[in-house]
Amino acid sequence: MARISYVTRDRLTDPELVAYMEHSERFGTPRPETQAIRSHVPDVAKAFSRGWERIFRAGLVEHPLKELCRNYVSQTIGCDY
């Protein structure tokens, strides 16, 4: 089992990263756990979050396609949720 630690919100000093983490905790997407892992490398967390914002929240991808992507990812990783 992987032993990747999570960066807690209280350890974040960059306001942009704090905002991304708070949003993830509030809405559950992207998952706060994955955001906490990405936050080990702030540039990675920012690049991912900016892309997520533009593609998934700003409406560049239609909702049915988002659901298809979620389904694909779930099946790819063997998630039964």
PDB file of N, CA and C in Angstrom:
ATOM      1  N   MET A   1       0.841  -1.185   0.000  1.00  0.00           N
ATOM      2  CA  MET A   1       0.000   0.000   0.000  1.00  0.00           C
ATOM      3  C   MET A   1       0.886   1.248   0.000  1.00  0.00           C
ATOM      4  N   ALA A   2       0.481   2.220  -0.797  1.00  0.00           N
ATOM      5  CA  ALA A   2       1.240   3.471  -0.877  1.00  0.00           C
ATOM      6  C   ALA A   2       1.201   4.220   0.443  1.00  0.00           C
ATOM      7  N   ARG A   3       2.260   4.897   0.711  1.00  0.00           N
ATOM      8  CA  ARG A   3       2.344   5.692   1.942  1.00  0.00           C
ATOM      9  C   ARG A   3       2.646   7.139   1.600  1.00  0.00           C
ATOM     10  N   ILE A   4       1.758   7.712   0.848  1.00  0.00           N
ATOM     11  CA  ILE A   4       1.914   9.107   0.449  1.00  0.00           C
ATOM     12  C   ILE A   4       1.158   9.958   1.451  1.00  0.00           C
ATOM     13  N   SER A   5       1.854  10.890   2.051  1.00  0.00           N
ATOM     14  CA  SER A   5       1.210  11.724   3.062  1.00  0.00           C
ATOM     15  C   SER A   5       0.353  12.809   2.415  1.00  0.00           C
ATOM     16  N   TYR A   6      -0.584  13.272   3.183  1.00  0.00           N
ATOM     17  CA  TYR A   6      -1.451  14.368   2.751  1.00  0.00           C
ATOM     18  C   TYR A   6      -0.932  15.675   3.332  1.00  0.00           C
ATOM     19  N   VAL A   7      -0.970  16.716   2.524  1.00  0.00           N
ATOM     20  CA  VAL A   7      -0.646  18.053   3.017  1.00  0.00           C
ATOM     21  C   VAL A   7      -1.940  18.628   3.577  1.00  0.00           C
ATOM     22  N   THR A   8      -1.951  18.942   4.860  1.00  0.00           N
ATOM     23  CA  THR A   8      -3.157  19.493   5.482  1.00  0.00           C
ATOM     24  C   THR A   8      -3.292  20.973   5.136  1.00  0.00           C
ATOM     25  N   ARG A   9      -4.518  21.438   5.161  1.00  0.00           N
ATOM     26  CA  ARG A   9      -4.789  22.829   4.784  1.00  0.00           C
ATOM     27  C   ARG A   9      -4.010  23.814   5.654  1.00  0.00           C
ATOM     28  N   ASP A  10      -3.828  23.498   6.932  1.00  0.00           N
ATOM     29  CA  ASP A  10      -3.110  24.422   7.819  1.00  0.00           C
ATOM     30  C   ASP A  10      -1.627  24.538   7.468  1.00  0.00           C
ATOM     31  N   ARG A  11      -1.109  23.619   6.660  1.00  0.00           N
ATOM     32  CA  ARG A  11       0.282  23.706   6.215  1.00  0.00           C
ATOM     33  C   ARG A  11       0.441  24.484   4.923  1.00  0.00           C
ATOM     34  N   LEU A  12      -0.661  24.785   4.265  1.00  0.00           N
ATOM     35  CA  LEU A  12      -0.603  25.535   3.014  1.00  0.00           C
ATOM     36  C   LEU A  12      -0.465  27.022   3.307  1.00  0.00           C
ATOM     37  N   THR A  13       0.466  27.658   2.615  1.00  0.00           N
ATOM     38  CA  THR A  13       0.676  29.098   2.817  1.00  0.00           C
ATOM     39  C   THR A  13       0.260  29.918   1.599  1.00  0.00           C
ATOM     40  N   ASP A  14       0.117  29.268   0.473  1.00  0.00           N
ATOM     41  CA  ASP A  14      -0.265  29.951  -0.760  1.00  0.00           C
ATOM     42  C   ASP A  14      -1.780  30.106  -0.792  1.00  0.00           C
ATOM     43  N   PRO A  15      -2.279  31.337  -0.866  1.00  0.00           N
ATOM     44  CA  PRO A  15      -3.731  31.563  -0.866  1.00  0.00           C
ATOM     45  C   PRO A  15      -4.466  30.833  -1.998  1.00  0.00           C
ATOM     46  N   GLU A  16      -3.827  30.695  -3.143  1.00  0.00           N
ATOM     47  CA  GLU A  16      -4.456  29.992  -4.269  1.00  0.00           C
ATOM     48  C   GLU A  16      -4.667  28.514  -3.920  1.00  0.00           C
ATOM     49  N   LEU A  17      -3.651  27.896  -3.328  1.00  0.00           N
ATOM     50  CA  LEU A  17      -3.771  26.489  -2.937  1.00  0.00           C
ATOM     51  C   LEU A  17      -4.783  26.300  -1.818  1.00  0.00           C
ATOM     52  N   VAL A  18      -4.815  27.233  -0.890  1.00  0.00           N
ATOM     53  CA  VAL A  18      -5.796  27.162   0.197  1.00  0.00           C
ATOM     54  C   VAL A  18      -7.208  27.207  -0.386  1.00  0.00           C
ATOM     55  N   ALA A  19      -7.428  28.087  -1.336  1.00  0.00           N
ATOM     56  CA  ALA A  19      -8.753  28.208  -1.953  1.00  0.00           C
ATOM     57  C   ALA A  19      -9.140  26.924  -2.685  1.00  0.00           C
ATOM     58  N   TYR A  20      -8.199  26.324  -3.408  1.00  0.00           N
ATOM     59  CA  TYR A  20      -8.487  25.060  -4.096  1.00  0.00           C
ATOM     60  C   TYR A  20      -8.822  23.958  -3.095  1.00  0.00           C
ATOM     61  N   MET A  21      -8.068  23.906  -2.013  1.00  0.00           N
ATOM     62  CA  MET A  21      -8.306  22.873  -1.002  1.00  0.00           C
ATOM     63  C   MET A  21      -9.667  23.083  -0.332  1.00  0.00           C
ATOM     64  N   GLU A  22      -9.978  24.304   0.012  1.00  0.00           N
ATOM     65  CA  GLU A  22     -11.273  24.587   0.641  1.00  0.00           C
ATOM     66  C   GLU A  22     -12.424  24.206  -0.285  1.00  0.00           C
ATOM     67  N   HIS A  23     -12.282  24.504  -1.557  1.00  0.00           N
ATOM     68  CA  HIS A  23     -13.332  24.158  -2.511  1.00  0.00           C
ATOM     69  C   HIS A  23     -13.490  22.641  -2.595  1.00  0.00           C
ATOM     70  N   SER A  24     -12.377  21.932  -2.639  1.00  0.00           N
ATOM     71  CA  SER A  24     -12.433  20.469  -2.687  1.00  0.00           C
ATOM     72  C   SER A  24     -13.091  19.894  -1.446  1.00  0.00           C
ATOM     73  N   GLU A  25     -12.753  20.443  -0.299  1.00  0.00           N
ATOM     74  CA  GLU A  25     -13.355  19.966   0.949  1.00  0.00           C
ATOM     75  C   GLU A  25     -14.850  20.251   0.992  1.00  0.00           C
ATOM     76  N   ARG A  26     -15.238  21.381   0.436  1.00  0.00           N
ATOM     77  CA  ARG A  26     -16.651  21.765   0.472  1.00  0.00           C
ATOM     78  C   ARG A  26     -17.501  20.956  -0.511  1.00  0.00           C
ATOM     79  N   PHE A  27     -16.984  20.766  -1.729  1.00  0.00           N
ATOM     80  CA  PHE A  27     -17.782  20.142  -2.783  1.00  0.00           C
ATOM     81  C   PHE A  27     -17.386  18.702  -3.103  1.00  0.00           C
ATOM     82  N   GLY A  28     -16.221  18.267  -2.657  1.00  0.00           N
ATOM     83  CA  GLY A  28     -15.786  16.894  -2.883  1.00  0.00           C
ATOM     84  C   GLY A  28     -15.185  16.620  -4.249  1.00  0.00           C
ATOM     85  N   THR A  29     -15.069  17.651  -5.068  1.00  0.00           N
ATOM     86  CA  THR A  29     -14.429  17.490  -6.380  1.00  0.00           C
ATOM     87  C   THR A  29     -13.474  18.637  -6.639  1.00  0.00           C
ATOM     88  N   PRO A  30     -12.290  18.377  -7.131  1.00  0.00           N
ATOM     89  CA  PRO A  30     -11.694  17.053  -7.112  1.00  0.00           C
ATOM     90  C   PRO A  30     -11.540  16.573  -5.671  1.00  0.00           C
ATOM     91  N   ARG A  31     -11.351  15.295  -5.496  1.00  0.00           N
ATOM     92  CA  ARG A  31     -11.308  14.740  -4.143  1.00  0.00           C
ATOM     93  C   ARG A  31     -10.241  15.435  -3.300  1.00  0.00           C
ATOM     94  N   PRO A  32     -10.598  15.821  -2.080  1.00  0.00           N
ATOM     95  CA  PRO A  32      -9.634  16.513  -1.214  1.00  0.00           C
ATOM     96  C   PRO A  32      -8.354  15.706  -0.978  1.00  0.00           C
ATOM     97  N   GLU A  33      -8.469  14.385  -0.932  1.00  0.00           N
ATOM     98  CA  GLU A  33      -7.284  13.553  -0.710  1.00  0.00           C
ATOM     99  C   GLU A  33      -6.280  13.697  -1.855  1.00  0.00           C
ATOM    100  N   THR A  34      -6.787  13.740  -3.079  1.00  0.00           N
ATOM    101  CA  THR A  34      -5.868  13.878  -4.205  1.00  0.00           C
ATOM    102  C   THR A  34      -5.281  15.287  -4.258  1.00  0.00           C
ATOM    103  N   GLN A  35      -6.075  16.274  -3.873  1.00  0.00           N
ATOM    104  CA  GLN A  35      -5.545  17.630  -3.802  1.00  0.00           C
ATOM    105  C   GLN A  35      -4.447  17.714  -2.738  1.00  0.00           C
ATOM    106  N   ALA A  36      -4.657  17.029  -1.630  1.00  0.00           N
ATOM    107  CA  ALA A  36      -3.675  17.048  -0.547  1.00  0.00           C
ATOM    108  C   ALA A  36      -2.367  16.392  -0.982  1.00  0.00           C
ATOM    109  N   ILE A  37      -2.446  15.396  -1.834  1.00  0.00           N
ATOM    110  CA  ILE A  37      -1.236  14.764  -2.359  1.00  0.00           C
ATOM    111  C   ILE A  37      -0.555  15.690  -3.370  1.00  0.00           C
ATOM    112  N   ARG A  38      -1.321  16.258  -4.276  1.00  0.00           N
ATOM    113  CA  ARG A  38      -0.747  17.175  -5.272  1.00  0.00           C
ATOM    114  C   ARG A  38      -0.071  18.367  -4.614  1.00  0.00           C
ATOM    115  N   SER A  39      -0.562  18.759  -3.466  1.00  0.00           N
ATOM    116  CA  SER A  39      -0.047  19.953  -2.798  1.00  0.00           C
ATOM    117  C   SER A  39       1.387  19.794  -2.307  1.00  0.00           C
ATOM    118  N   HIS A  40       1.928  18.585  -2.349  1.00  0.00           N
ATOM    119  CA  HIS A  40       3.353  18.409  -2.043  1.00  0.00           C
ATOM    120  C   HIS A  40       4.206  19.179  -3.050  1.00  0.00           C
ATOM    121  N   VAL A  41       3.678  19.317  -4.271  1.00  0.00           N
ATOM    122  CA  VAL A  41       4.371  20.075  -5.317  1.00  0.00           C
ATOM    123  C   VAL A  41       3.405  21.171  -5.759  1.00  0.00           C
ATOM    124  N   PRO A  42       3.519  22.349  -5.162  1.00  0.00           N
ATOM    125  CA  PRO A  42       2.552  23.415  -5.420  1.00  0.00           C
ATOM    126  C   PRO A  42       2.298  23.709  -6.896  1.00  0.00           C
ATOM    127  N   ASP A  43       3.339  23.665  -7.730  1.00  0.00           N
ATOM    128  CA  ASP A  43       3.131  23.941  -9.158  1.00  0.00           C
ATOM    129  C   ASP A  43       2.235  22.886  -9.804  1.00  0.00           C
ATOM    130  N   VAL A  44       2.366  21.645  -9.368  1.00  0.00           N
ATOM    131  CA  VAL A  44       1.508  20.575  -9.894  1.00  0.00           C
ATOM    132  C   VAL A  44       0.067  20.805  -9.450  1.00  0.00           C
ATOM    133  N   ALA A  45      -0.123  21.112  -8.174  1.00  0.00           N
ATOM    134  CA  ALA A  45      -1.469  21.353  -7.647  1.00  0.00           C
ATOM    135  C   ALA A  45      -2.137  22.519  -8.367  1.00  0.00           C
ATOM    136  N   LYS A  46      -1.386  23.566  -8.607  1.00  0.00           N
ATOM    137  CA  LYS A  46      -1.943  24.728  -9.297  1.00  0.00           C
ATOM    138  C   LYS A  46      -2.284  24.409 -10.746  1.00  0.00           C
ATOM    139  N   ALA A  47      -1.374  23.726 -11.440  1.00  0.00           N
ATOM    140  CA  ALA A  47      -1.620  23.398 -12.849  1.00  0.00           C
ATOM    141  C   ALA A  47      -2.852  22.505 -12.981  1.00  0.00           C
ATOM    142  N   PHE A  48      -2.950  21.494 -12.133  1.00  0.00           N
ATOM    143  CA  PHE A  48      -4.117  20.614 -12.179  1.00  0.00           C
ATOM    144  C   PHE A  48      -5.393  21.401 -11.881  1.00  0.00           C
ATOM    145  N   SER A  49      -5.366  22.198 -10.828  1.00  0.00           N
ATOM    146  CA  SER A  49      -6.568  22.912 -10.394  1.00  0.00           C
ATOM    147  C   SER A  49      -7.015  23.953 -11.405  1.00  0.00           C
ATOM    148  N   ARG A  50      -6.070  24.614 -12.015  1.00  0.00           N
ATOM    149  CA  ARG A  50      -6.444  25.603 -13.040  1.00  0.00           C
ATOM    150  C   ARG A  50      -7.111  24.921 -14.229  1.00  0.00           C
ATOM    151  N   GLY A  51      -6.554  23.794 -14.639  1.00  0.00           N
ATOM    152  CA  GLY A  51      -7.169  23.040 -15.730  1.00  0.00           C
ATOM    153  C   GLY A  51      -8.548  22.534 -15.357  1.00  0.00           C
ATOM    154  N   TRP A  52      -8.678  22.008 -14.140  1.00  0.00           N
ATOM    155  CA  TRP A  52      -9.967  21.514 -13.641  1.00  0.00           C
ATOM    156  C   TRP A  52     -10.999  22.639 -13.661  1.00  0.00           C
ATOM    157  N   GLU A  53     -10.599  23.803 -13.194  1.00  0.00           N
ATOM    158  CA  GLU A  53     -11.499  24.964 -13.179  1.00  0.00           C
ATOM    159  C   GLU A  53     -11.996  25.290 -14.593  1.00  0.00           C
ATOM    160  N   ARG A  54     -11.067  25.362 -15.541  1.00  0.00           N
ATOM    161  CA  ARG A  54     -11.432  25.748 -16.912  1.00  0.00           C
ATOM    162  C   ARG A  54     -12.275  24.691 -17.603  1.00  0.00           C
ATOM    163  N   ILE A  55     -11.915  23.434 -17.405  1.00  0.00           N
ATOM    164  CA  ILE A  55     -12.588  22.375 -18.150  1.00  0.00           C
ATOM    165  C   ILE A  55     -13.895  21.949 -17.493  1.00  0.00           C
ATOM    166  N   PHE A  56     -13.858  21.689 -16.186  1.00  0.00           N
ATOM    167  CA  PHE A  56     -15.020  21.103 -15.529  1.00  0.00           C
ATOM    168  C   PHE A  56     -15.955  22.114 -14.883  1.00  0.00           C
ATOM    169  N   ARG A  57     -15.447  23.224 -14.422  1.00  0.00           N
ATOM    170  CA  ARG A  57     -16.333  24.179 -13.746  1.00  0.00           C
ATOM    171  C   ARG A  57     -16.758  25.331 -14.632  1.00  0.00           C
ATOM    172  N   ALA A  58     -15.948  25.677 -15.607  1.00  0.00           N
ATOM    173  CA  ALA A  58     -16.269  26.832 -16.445  1.00  0.00           C
ATOM    174  C   ALA A  58     -17.123  26.457 -17.656  1.00  0.00           C
ATOM    175  N   GLY A  59     -17.483  25.191 -17.767  1.00  0.00           N
ATOM    176  CA  GLY A  59     -18.427  24.797 -18.796  1.00  0.00           C
ATOM    177  C   GLY A  59     -17.861  24.456 -20.154  1.00  0.00           C
ATOM    178  N   LEU A  60     -16.567  24.224 -20.259  1.00  0.00           N
ATOM    179  CA  LEU A  60     -16.014  23.858 -21.547  1.00  0.00           C
ATOM    180  C   LEU A  60     -16.361  22.424 -21.941  1.00  0.00           C
ATOM    181  N   VAL A  61     -16.719  21.620 -20.966  1.00  0.00           N
ATOM    182  CA  VAL A  61     -17.108  20.240 -21.227  1.00  0.00           C
ATOM    183  C   VAL A  61     -18.568  20.083 -20.826  1.00  0.00           C
ATOM    184  N   GLU A  62     -19.374  19.536 -21.723  1.00  0.00           N
ATOM    185  CA  GLU A  62     -20.795  19.349 -21.426  1.00  0.00           C
ATOM    186  C   GLU A  62     -20.963  18.258 -20.366  1.00  0.00           C
ATOM    187  N   HIS A  63     -22.014  18.404 -19.583  1.00  0.00           N
ATOM    188  CA  HIS A  63     -22.234  17.505 -18.453  1.00  0.00           C
ATOM    189  C   HIS A  63     -22.248  16.017 -18.833  1.00  0.00           C
ATOM    190  N   PRO A  64     -22.929  15.604 -19.891  1.00  0.00           N
ATOM    191  CA  PRO A  64     -22.910  14.174 -20.246  1.00  0.00           C
ATOM    192  C   PRO A  64     -21.500  13.629 -20.494  1.00  0.00           C
ATOM    193  N   LEU A  65     -20.630  14.439 -21.082  1.00  0.00           N
ATOM    194  CA  LEU A  65     -19.262  14.003 -21.320  1.00  0.00           C
ATOM    195  C   LEU A  65     -18.499  13.898 -19.996  1.00  0.00           C
ATOM    196  N   LYS A  66     -18.759  14.823 -19.076  1.00  0.00           N
ATOM    197  CA  LYS A  66     -18.134  14.736 -17.748  1.00  0.00           C
ATOM    198  C   LYS A  66     -18.514  13.424 -17.068  1.00  0.00           C
ATOM    199  N   GLU A  67     -19.771  13.050 -17.164  1.00  0.00           N
ATOM    200  CA  GLU A  67     -20.228  11.803 -16.546  1.00  0.00           C
ATOM    201  C   GLU A  67     -19.572  10.603 -17.210  1.00  0.00           C
ATOM    202  N   LEU A  68     -19.418  10.657 -18.511  1.00  0.00           N
ATOM    203  CA  LEU A  68     -18.736   9.583 -19.216  1.00  0.00           C
ATOM    204  C   LEU A  68     -17.278   9.475 -18.754  1.00  0.00           C
ATOM    205  N   CYS A  69     -16.625  10.601 -18.583  1.00  0.00           N
ATOM    206  CA  CYS A  69     -15.238  10.605 -18.087  1.00  0.00           C
ATOM    207  C   CYS A  69     -15.163  10.016 -16.682  1.00  0.00           C
ATOM    208  N   ARG A  70     -16.084  10.397 -15.826  1.00  0.00           N
ATOM    209  CA  ARG A  70     -16.103   9.858 -14.455  1.00  0.00           C
ATOM    210  C   ARG A  70     -16.291   8.345 -14.471  1.00  0.00           C
ATOM    211  N   ASN A  71     -17.202   7.888 -15.324  1.00  0.00           N
ATOM    212  CA  ASN A  71     -17.458   6.459 -15.446  1.00  0.00           C
ATOM    213  C   ASN A  71     -16.206   5.740 -15.934  1.00  0.00           C
ATOM    214  N   TYR A  72     -15.556   6.289 -16.940  1.00  0.00           N
ATOM    215  CA  TYR A  72     -14.345   5.688 -17.488  1.00  0.00           C
ATOM    216  C   TYR A  72     -13.261   5.563 -16.417  1.00  0.00           C
ATOM    217  N   VAL A  73     -13.033   6.647 -15.683  1.00  0.00           N
ATOM    218  CA  VAL A  73     -12.014   6.619 -14.631  1.00  0.00           C
ATOM    219  C   VAL A  73     -12.370   5.588 -13.575  1.00  0.00           C
ATOM    220  N   SER A  74     -13.617   5.551 -13.149  1.00  0.00           N
ATOM    221  CA  SER A  74     -14.051   4.587 -12.136  1.00  0.00           C
ATOM    222  C   SER A  74     -13.809   3.157 -12.594  1.00  0.00           C
ATOM    223  N   GLN A  75     -14.160   2.864 -13.814  1.00  0.00           N
ATOM    224  CA  GLN A  75     -13.970   1.499 -14.319  1.00  0.00           C
ATOM    225  C   GLN A  75     -12.493   1.179 -14.526  1.00  0.00           C
ATOM    226  N   THR A  76     -11.722   2.157 -14.940  1.00  0.00           N
ATOM    227  CA  THR A  76     -10.310   1.947 -15.162  1.00  0.00           C
ATOM    228  C   THR A  76      -9.581   1.574 -13.878  1.00  0.00           C
ATOM    229  N   ILE A  77      -9.960   2.211 -12.767  1.00  0.00           N
ATOM    230  CA  ILE A  77      -9.280   1.943 -11.495  1.00  0.00           C
ATOM    231  C   ILE A  77     -10.005   0.888 -10.660  1.00  0.00           C
ATOM    232  N   GLY A  78     -11.072   0.329 -11.202  1.00  0.00           N
ATOM    233  CA  GLY A  78     -11.784  -0.722 -10.493  1.00  0.00           C
ATOM    234  C   GLY A  78     -12.619  -0.228  -9.315  1.00  0.00           C
ATOM    235  N   CYS A  79     -13.103   0.987  -9.408  1.00  0.00           N
ATOM    236  CA  CYS A  79     -13.928   1.559  -8.350  1.00  0.00           C
ATOM    237  C   CYS A  79     -15.379   1.128  -8.540  1.00  0.00           C
ATOM    238  N   ASP A  80     -15.966   0.552  -7.516  1.00  0.00           N
ATOM    239  CA  ASP A  80     -17.358   0.120  -7.595  1.00  0.00           C
ATOM    240  C   ASP A  80     -18.344   1.169  -7.113  1.00  0.00           C
ATOM    241  N   TYR A  81     -17.849   2.328  -6.729  1.00  0.00           N
ATOM    242  CA  TYR A  81     -18.712   3.391  -6.211  1.00  0.00           C
ATOM    243  C   TYR A  81     -19.559   3.877  -7.293  1.00  0.00           C
TER     244      TYR A  81
END
